Each structure stands twice: as C-alpha cells, then as structure tokens.
Amino acid sequence: MAKLRIKLVKSPIGYSKDQKATVRALGLRRLNYEVVKEDSPQIVGMIRKVAHLLKVEKVEE
C-alpha cells in the first residue's frame, strides 16, 4: 500500500476545535512535525479537512 508523508506547516491556533482535533488525530504535535501514514480513505478525508495547514507527499516504499 502507498504511504503519505504529512507535515504540519501552519498552526491550527485560531481555527475551530474540530480542525485542531483532526490535526492531533493525525499525530501532528507541533509545527514542522512529520508523520507517515497509510494511504486510506479515512486518512485522506482527515487531510482534506485541514489541507490548508498541511503539506502532503506520497512516499515510495
């Protein structure tokens, strides 16, 4: 399965609680923090919700 590298590039401060919770649920704790997640419909939906705060790229295995 493909993987996605997700990086938090903008602070969720000033955005709604559900957007902050989504960023946290993705495992992002602070600016420039990166996580690698499986490319699944659930993760893609979370990314779309807070896409304005993230940088996402595909990772080749």
PDB file of N, CA and C in Angstrom:
ATOM      1  N   MET A   1       0.829  -1.182   0.000  1.00  0.00           N
ATOM      2  CA  MET A   1       0.000   0.000   0.000  1.00  0.00           C
ATOM      3  C   MET A   1       0.877   1.251   0.000  1.00  0.00           C
ATOM      4  N   ALA A   2       0.388   2.311  -0.618  1.00  0.00           N
ATOM      5  CA  ALA A   2       1.124   3.565  -0.659  1.00  0.00           C
ATOM      6  C   ALA A   2       1.079   4.235   0.714  1.00  0.00           C
ATOM      7  N   LYS A   3       2.054   5.073   0.943  1.00  0.00           N
ATOM      8  CA  LYS A   3       2.108   5.817   2.202  1.00  0.00           C
ATOM      9  C   LYS A   3       2.160   7.304   1.895  1.00  0.00           C
ATOM     10  N   LEU A   4       1.748   8.102   2.872  1.00  0.00           N
ATOM     11  CA  LEU A   4       1.748   9.553   2.743  1.00  0.00           C
ATOM     12  C   LEU A   4       2.607  10.156   3.846  1.00  0.00           C
ATOM     13  N   ARG A   5       3.455  11.104   3.486  1.00  0.00           N
ATOM     14  CA  ARG A   5       4.213  11.860   4.481  1.00  0.00           C
ATOM     15  C   ARG A   5       3.442  13.169   4.690  1.00  0.00           C
ATOM     16  N   ILE A   6       3.029  13.402   5.924  1.00  0.00           N
ATOM     17  CA  ILE A   6       2.192  14.554   6.265  1.00  0.00           C
ATOM     18  C   ILE A   6       2.986  15.462   7.189  1.00  0.00           C
ATOM     19  N   LYS A   7       3.059  16.742   6.832  1.00  0.00           N
ATOM     20  CA  LYS A   7       3.829  17.706   7.615  1.00  0.00           C
ATOM     21  C   LYS A   7       2.933  18.883   7.977  1.00  0.00           C
ATOM     22  N   LEU A   8       2.966  19.294   9.233  1.00  0.00           N
ATOM     23  CA  LEU A   8       2.200  20.450   9.699  1.00  0.00           C
ATOM     24  C   LEU A   8       3.010  21.712   9.416  1.00  0.00           C
ATOM     25  N   VAL A   9       2.515  22.559   8.513  1.00  0.00           N
ATOM     26  CA  VAL A   9       3.262  23.754   8.119  1.00  0.00           C
ATOM     27  C   VAL A   9       2.616  25.049   8.603  1.00  0.00           C
ATOM     28  N   LYS A  10       1.395  24.968   9.145  1.00  0.00           N
ATOM     29  CA  LYS A  10       0.723  26.149   9.669  1.00  0.00           C
ATOM     30  C   LYS A  10       0.019  25.775  10.967  1.00  0.00           C
ATOM     31  N   SER A  11       0.062  26.655  11.925  1.00  0.00           N
ATOM     32  CA  SER A  11      -0.510  26.385  13.235  1.00  0.00           C
ATOM     33  C   SER A  11      -2.043  26.341  13.185  1.00  0.00           C
ATOM     34  N   PRO A  12      -2.653  25.395  13.904  1.00  0.00           N
ATOM     35  CA  PRO A  12      -4.111  25.338  13.972  1.00  0.00           C
ATOM     36  C   PRO A  12      -4.716  26.338  14.960  1.00  0.00           C
ATOM     37  N   ILE A  13      -3.885  27.161  15.599  1.00  0.00           N
ATOM     38  CA  ILE A  13      -4.403  28.173  16.521  1.00  0.00           C
ATOM     39  C   ILE A  13      -5.284  29.134  15.733  1.00  0.00           C
ATOM     40  N   GLY A  14      -6.462  29.414  16.260  1.00  0.00           N
ATOM     41  CA  GLY A  14      -7.388  30.323  15.596  1.00  0.00           C
ATOM     42  C   GLY A  14      -8.389  29.605  14.711  1.00  0.00           C
ATOM     43  N   TYR A  15      -8.259  28.294  14.578  1.00  0.00           N
ATOM     44  CA  TYR A  15      -9.213  27.504  13.807  1.00  0.00           C
ATOM     45  C   TYR A  15     -10.130  26.759  14.769  1.00  0.00           C
ATOM     46  N   SER A  16     -11.181  26.157  14.237  1.00  0.00           N
ATOM     47  CA  SER A  16     -12.182  25.519  15.081  1.00  0.00           C
ATOM     48  C   SER A  16     -11.612  24.309  15.838  1.00  0.00           C
ATOM     49  N   LYS A  17     -12.322  23.926  16.894  1.00  0.00           N
ATOM     50  CA  LYS A  17     -11.880  22.814  17.735  1.00  0.00           C
ATOM     51  C   LYS A  17     -11.805  21.509  16.958  1.00  0.00           C
ATOM     52  N   ASP A  18     -12.739  21.306  16.029  1.00  0.00           N
ATOM     53  CA  ASP A  18     -12.715  20.047  15.281  1.00  0.00           C
ATOM     54  C   ASP A  18     -11.517  19.979  14.343  1.00  0.00           C
ATOM     55  N   GLN A  19     -11.068  21.120  13.815  1.00  0.00           N
ATOM     56  CA  GLN A  19      -9.861  21.119  12.987  1.00  0.00           C
ATOM     57  C   GLN A  19      -8.624  20.862  13.837  1.00  0.00           C
ATOM     58  N   LYS A  20      -8.574  21.439  15.021  1.00  0.00           N
ATOM     59  CA  LYS A  20      -7.459  21.168  15.936  1.00  0.00           C
ATOM     60  C   LYS A  20      -7.423  19.691  16.309  1.00  0.00           C
ATOM     61  N   ALA A  21      -8.603  19.115  16.558  1.00  0.00           N
ATOM     62  CA  ALA A  21      -8.685  17.703  16.925  1.00  0.00           C
ATOM     63  C   ALA A  21      -8.260  16.808  15.761  1.00  0.00           C
ATOM     64  N   THR A  22      -8.568  17.212  14.550  1.00  0.00           N
ATOM     65  CA  THR A  22      -8.169  16.432  13.375  1.00  0.00           C
ATOM     66  C   THR A  22      -6.656  16.428  13.220  1.00  0.00           C
ATOM     67  N   VAL A  23      -6.034  17.588  13.396  1.00  0.00           N
ATOM     68  CA  VAL A  23      -4.573  17.681  13.324  1.00  0.00           C
ATOM     69  C   VAL A  23      -3.954  16.779  14.385  1.00  0.00           C
ATOM     70  N   ARG A  24      -4.500  16.806  15.568  1.00  0.00           N
ATOM     71  CA  ARG A  24      -3.990  15.986  16.674  1.00  0.00           C
ATOM     72  C   ARG A  24      -4.188  14.492  16.389  1.00  0.00           C
ATOM     73  N   ALA A  25      -5.340  14.152  15.804  1.00  0.00           N
ATOM     74  CA  ALA A  25      -5.632  12.751  15.498  1.00  0.00           C
ATOM     75  C   ALA A  25      -4.707  12.206  14.410  1.00  0.00           C
ATOM     76  N   LEU A  26      -4.204  13.075  13.569  1.00  0.00           N
ATOM     77  CA  LEU A  26      -3.235  12.656  12.560  1.00  0.00           C
ATOM     78  C   LEU A  26      -1.864  12.398  13.182  1.00  0.00           C
ATOM     79  N   GLY A  27      -1.689  12.802  14.438  1.00  0.00           N
ATOM     80  CA  GLY A  27      -0.423  12.561  15.125  1.00  0.00           C
ATOM     81  C   GLY A  27       0.532  13.726  15.034  1.00  0.00           C
ATOM     82  N   LEU A  28       0.028  14.884  14.605  1.00  0.00           N
ATOM     83  CA  LEU A  28       0.874  16.073  14.456  1.00  0.00           C
ATOM     84  C   LEU A  28       0.815  16.893  15.738  1.00  0.00           C
ATOM     85  N   ARG A  29       1.982  17.173  16.315  1.00  0.00           N
ATOM     86  CA  ARG A  29       2.032  17.818  17.624  1.00  0.00           C
ATOM     87  C   ARG A  29       2.491  19.273  17.563  1.00  0.00           C
ATOM     88  N   ARG A  30       3.390  19.593  16.644  1.00  0.00           N
ATOM     89  CA  ARG A  30       3.920  20.960  16.574  1.00  0.00           C
ATOM     90  C   ARG A  30       4.294  21.276  15.127  1.00  0.00           C
ATOM     91  N   LEU A  31       4.615  22.514  14.860  1.00  0.00           N
ATOM     92  CA  LEU A  31       4.981  22.923  13.511  1.00  0.00           C
ATOM     93  C   LEU A  31       6.183  22.133  13.001  1.00  0.00           C
ATOM     94  N   ASN A  32       6.165  21.841  11.716  1.00  0.00           N
ATOM     95  CA  ASN A  32       7.214  21.101  11.013  1.00  0.00           C
ATOM     96  C   ASN A  32       7.349  19.654  11.479  1.00  0.00           C
ATOM     97  N   TYR A  33       6.391  19.157  12.229  1.00  0.00           N
ATOM     98  CA  TYR A  33       6.366  17.759  12.661  1.00  0.00           C
ATOM     99  C   TYR A  33       5.849  16.924  11.500  1.00  0.00           C
ATOM    100  N   GLU A  34       6.480  15.786  11.234  1.00  0.00           N
ATOM    101  CA  GLU A  34       6.090  14.913  10.127  1.00  0.00           C
ATOM    102  C   GLU A  34       5.689  13.543  10.638  1.00  0.00           C
ATOM    103  N   VAL A  35       4.679  12.971   9.998  1.00  0.00           N
ATOM    104  CA  VAL A  35       4.291  11.592  10.257  1.00  0.00           C
ATOM    105  C   VAL A  35       4.097  10.901   8.912  1.00  0.00           C
ATOM    106  N   VAL A  36       4.238   9.584   8.913  1.00  0.00           N
ATOM    107  CA  VAL A  36       3.987   8.785   7.715  1.00  0.00           C
ATOM    108  C   VAL A  36       2.804   7.881   8.024  1.00  0.00           C
ATOM    109  N   LYS A  37       1.769   7.968   7.183  1.00  0.00           N
ATOM    110  CA  LYS A  37       0.534   7.200   7.382  1.00  0.00           C
ATOM    111  C   LYS A  37       0.215   6.414   6.120  1.00  0.00           C
ATOM    112  N   GLU A  38      -0.535   5.329   6.295  1.00  0.00           N
ATOM    113  CA  GLU A  38      -1.033   4.561   5.159  1.00  0.00           C
ATOM    114  C   GLU A  38      -2.028   5.415   4.374  1.00  0.00           C
ATOM    115  N   ASP A  39      -2.067   5.233   3.062  1.00  0.00           N
ATOM    116  CA  ASP A  39      -3.000   5.958   2.203  1.00  0.00           C
ATOM    117  C   ASP A  39      -4.344   5.236   2.231  1.00  0.00           C
ATOM    118  N   SER A  40      -5.231   5.668   3.133  1.00  0.00           N
ATOM    119  CA  SER A  40      -6.558   5.066   3.262  1.00  0.00           C
ATOM    120  C   SER A  40      -7.616   6.162   3.125  1.00  0.00           C
ATOM    121  N   PRO A  41      -8.844   5.795   2.814  1.00  0.00           N
ATOM    122  CA  PRO A  41      -9.899   6.805   2.674  1.00  0.00           C
ATOM    123  C   PRO A  41     -10.104   7.641   3.940  1.00  0.00           C
ATOM    124  N   GLN A  42      -9.927   7.032   5.112  1.00  0.00           N
ATOM    125  CA  GLN A  42     -10.112   7.762   6.367  1.00  0.00           C
ATOM    126  C   GLN A  42      -9.042   8.842   6.529  1.00  0.00           C
ATOM    127  N   ILE A  43      -7.806   8.503   6.243  1.00  0.00           N
ATOM    128  CA  ILE A  43      -6.705   9.456   6.374  1.00  0.00           C
ATOM    129  C   ILE A  43      -6.843  10.558   5.340  1.00  0.00           C
ATOM    130  N   VAL A  44      -7.218  10.207   4.108  1.00  0.00           N
ATOM    131  CA  VAL A  44      -7.390  11.212   3.049  1.00  0.00           C
ATOM    132  C   VAL A  44      -8.497  12.194   3.426  1.00  0.00           C
ATOM    133  N   GLY A  45      -9.574  11.709   4.032  1.00  0.00           N
ATOM    134  CA  GLY A  45     -10.657  12.588   4.486  1.00  0.00           C
ATOM    135  C   GLY A  45     -10.188  13.558   5.557  1.00  0.00           C
ATOM    136  N   MET A  46      -9.370  13.076   6.476  1.00  0.00           N
ATOM    137  CA  MET A  46      -8.832  13.944   7.527  1.00  0.00           C
ATOM    138  C   MET A  46      -7.905  14.994   6.916  1.00  0.00           C
ATOM    139  N   ILE A  47      -7.110  14.590   5.946  1.00  0.00           N
ATOM    140  CA  ILE A  47      -6.187  15.520   5.288  1.00  0.00           C
ATOM    141  C   ILE A  47      -6.966  16.612   4.564  1.00  0.00           C
ATOM    142  N   ARG A  48      -8.028  16.242   3.876  1.00  0.00           N
ATOM    143  CA  ARG A  48      -8.837  17.233   3.152  1.00  0.00           C
ATOM    144  C   ARG A  48      -9.449  18.263   4.095  1.00  0.00           C
ATOM    145  N   LYS A  49      -9.808  17.830   5.281  1.00  0.00           N
ATOM    146  CA  LYS A  49     -10.454  18.726   6.242  1.00  0.00           C
ATOM    147  C   LYS A  49      -9.507  19.844   6.698  1.00  0.00           C
ATOM    148  N   VAL A  50      -8.208  19.527   6.796  1.00  0.00           N
ATOM    149  CA  VAL A  50      -7.238  20.516   7.280  1.00  0.00           C
ATOM    150  C   VAL A  50      -6.112  20.724   6.259  1.00  0.00           C
ATOM    151  N   ALA A  51      -6.423  20.591   4.981  1.00  0.00           N
ATOM    152  CA  ALA A  51      -5.415  20.686   3.919  1.00  0.00           C
ATOM    153  C   ALA A  51      -4.691  22.029   3.917  1.00  0.00           C
ATOM    154  N   HIS A  52      -5.364  23.088   4.371  1.00  0.00           N
ATOM    155  CA  HIS A  52      -4.758  24.415   4.402  1.00  0.00           C
ATOM    156  C   HIS A  52      -3.654  24.531   5.456  1.00  0.00           C
ATOM    157  N   LEU A  53      -3.519  23.538   6.322  1.00  0.00           N
ATOM    158  CA  LEU A  53      -2.497  23.556   7.370  1.00  0.00           C
ATOM    159  C   LEU A  53      -1.350  22.592   7.089  1.00  0.00           C
ATOM    160  N   LEU A  54      -1.485  21.758   6.053  1.00  0.00           N
ATOM    161  CA  LEU A  54      -0.581  20.641   5.849  1.00  0.00           C
ATOM    162  C   LEU A  54       0.163  20.703   4.522  1.00  0.00           C
ATOM    163  N   LYS A  55       1.257  19.943   4.472  1.00  0.00           N
ATOM    164  CA  LYS A  55       1.949  19.635   3.227  1.00  0.00           C
ATOM    165  C   LYS A  55       1.984  18.116   3.155  1.00  0.00           C
ATOM    166  N   VAL A  56       1.518  17.557   2.035  1.00  0.00           N
ATOM    167  CA  VAL A  56       1.397  16.110   1.905  1.00  0.00           C
ATOM    168  C   VAL A  56       2.128  15.663   0.654  1.00  0.00           C
ATOM    169  N   GLU A  57       2.883  14.566   0.783  1.00  0.00           N
ATOM    170  CA  GLU A  57       3.548  13.984  -0.391  1.00  0.00           C
ATOM    171  C   GLU A  57       3.510  12.468  -0.274  1.00  0.00           C
ATOM    172  N   LYS A  58       3.484  11.805  -1.413  1.00  0.00           N
ATOM    173  CA  LYS A  58       3.491  10.334  -1.430  1.00  0.00           C
ATOM    174  C   LYS A  58       4.902   9.828  -1.197  1.00  0.00           C
ATOM    175  N   VAL A  59       4.988   8.709  -0.474  1.00  0.00           N
ATOM    176  CA  VAL A  59       6.269   8.087  -0.175  1.00  0.00           C
ATOM    177  C   VAL A  59       6.322   6.752  -0.913  1.00  0.00           C
ATOM    178  N   GLU A  60       7.365   6.540  -1.670  1.00  0.00           N
ATOM    179  CA  GLU A  60       7.558   5.264  -2.350  1.00  0.00           C
ATOM    180  C   GLU A  60       8.247   4.299  -1.399  1.00  0.00           C
ATOM    181  N   GLU A  61       7.772   3.081  -1.356  1.00  0.00           N
ATOM    182  CA  GLU A  61       8.354   2.086  -0.454  1.00  0.00           C
ATOM    183  C   GLU A  61       9.560   1.425  -1.057  1.00  0.00           C
TER     184      GLU A  61
END
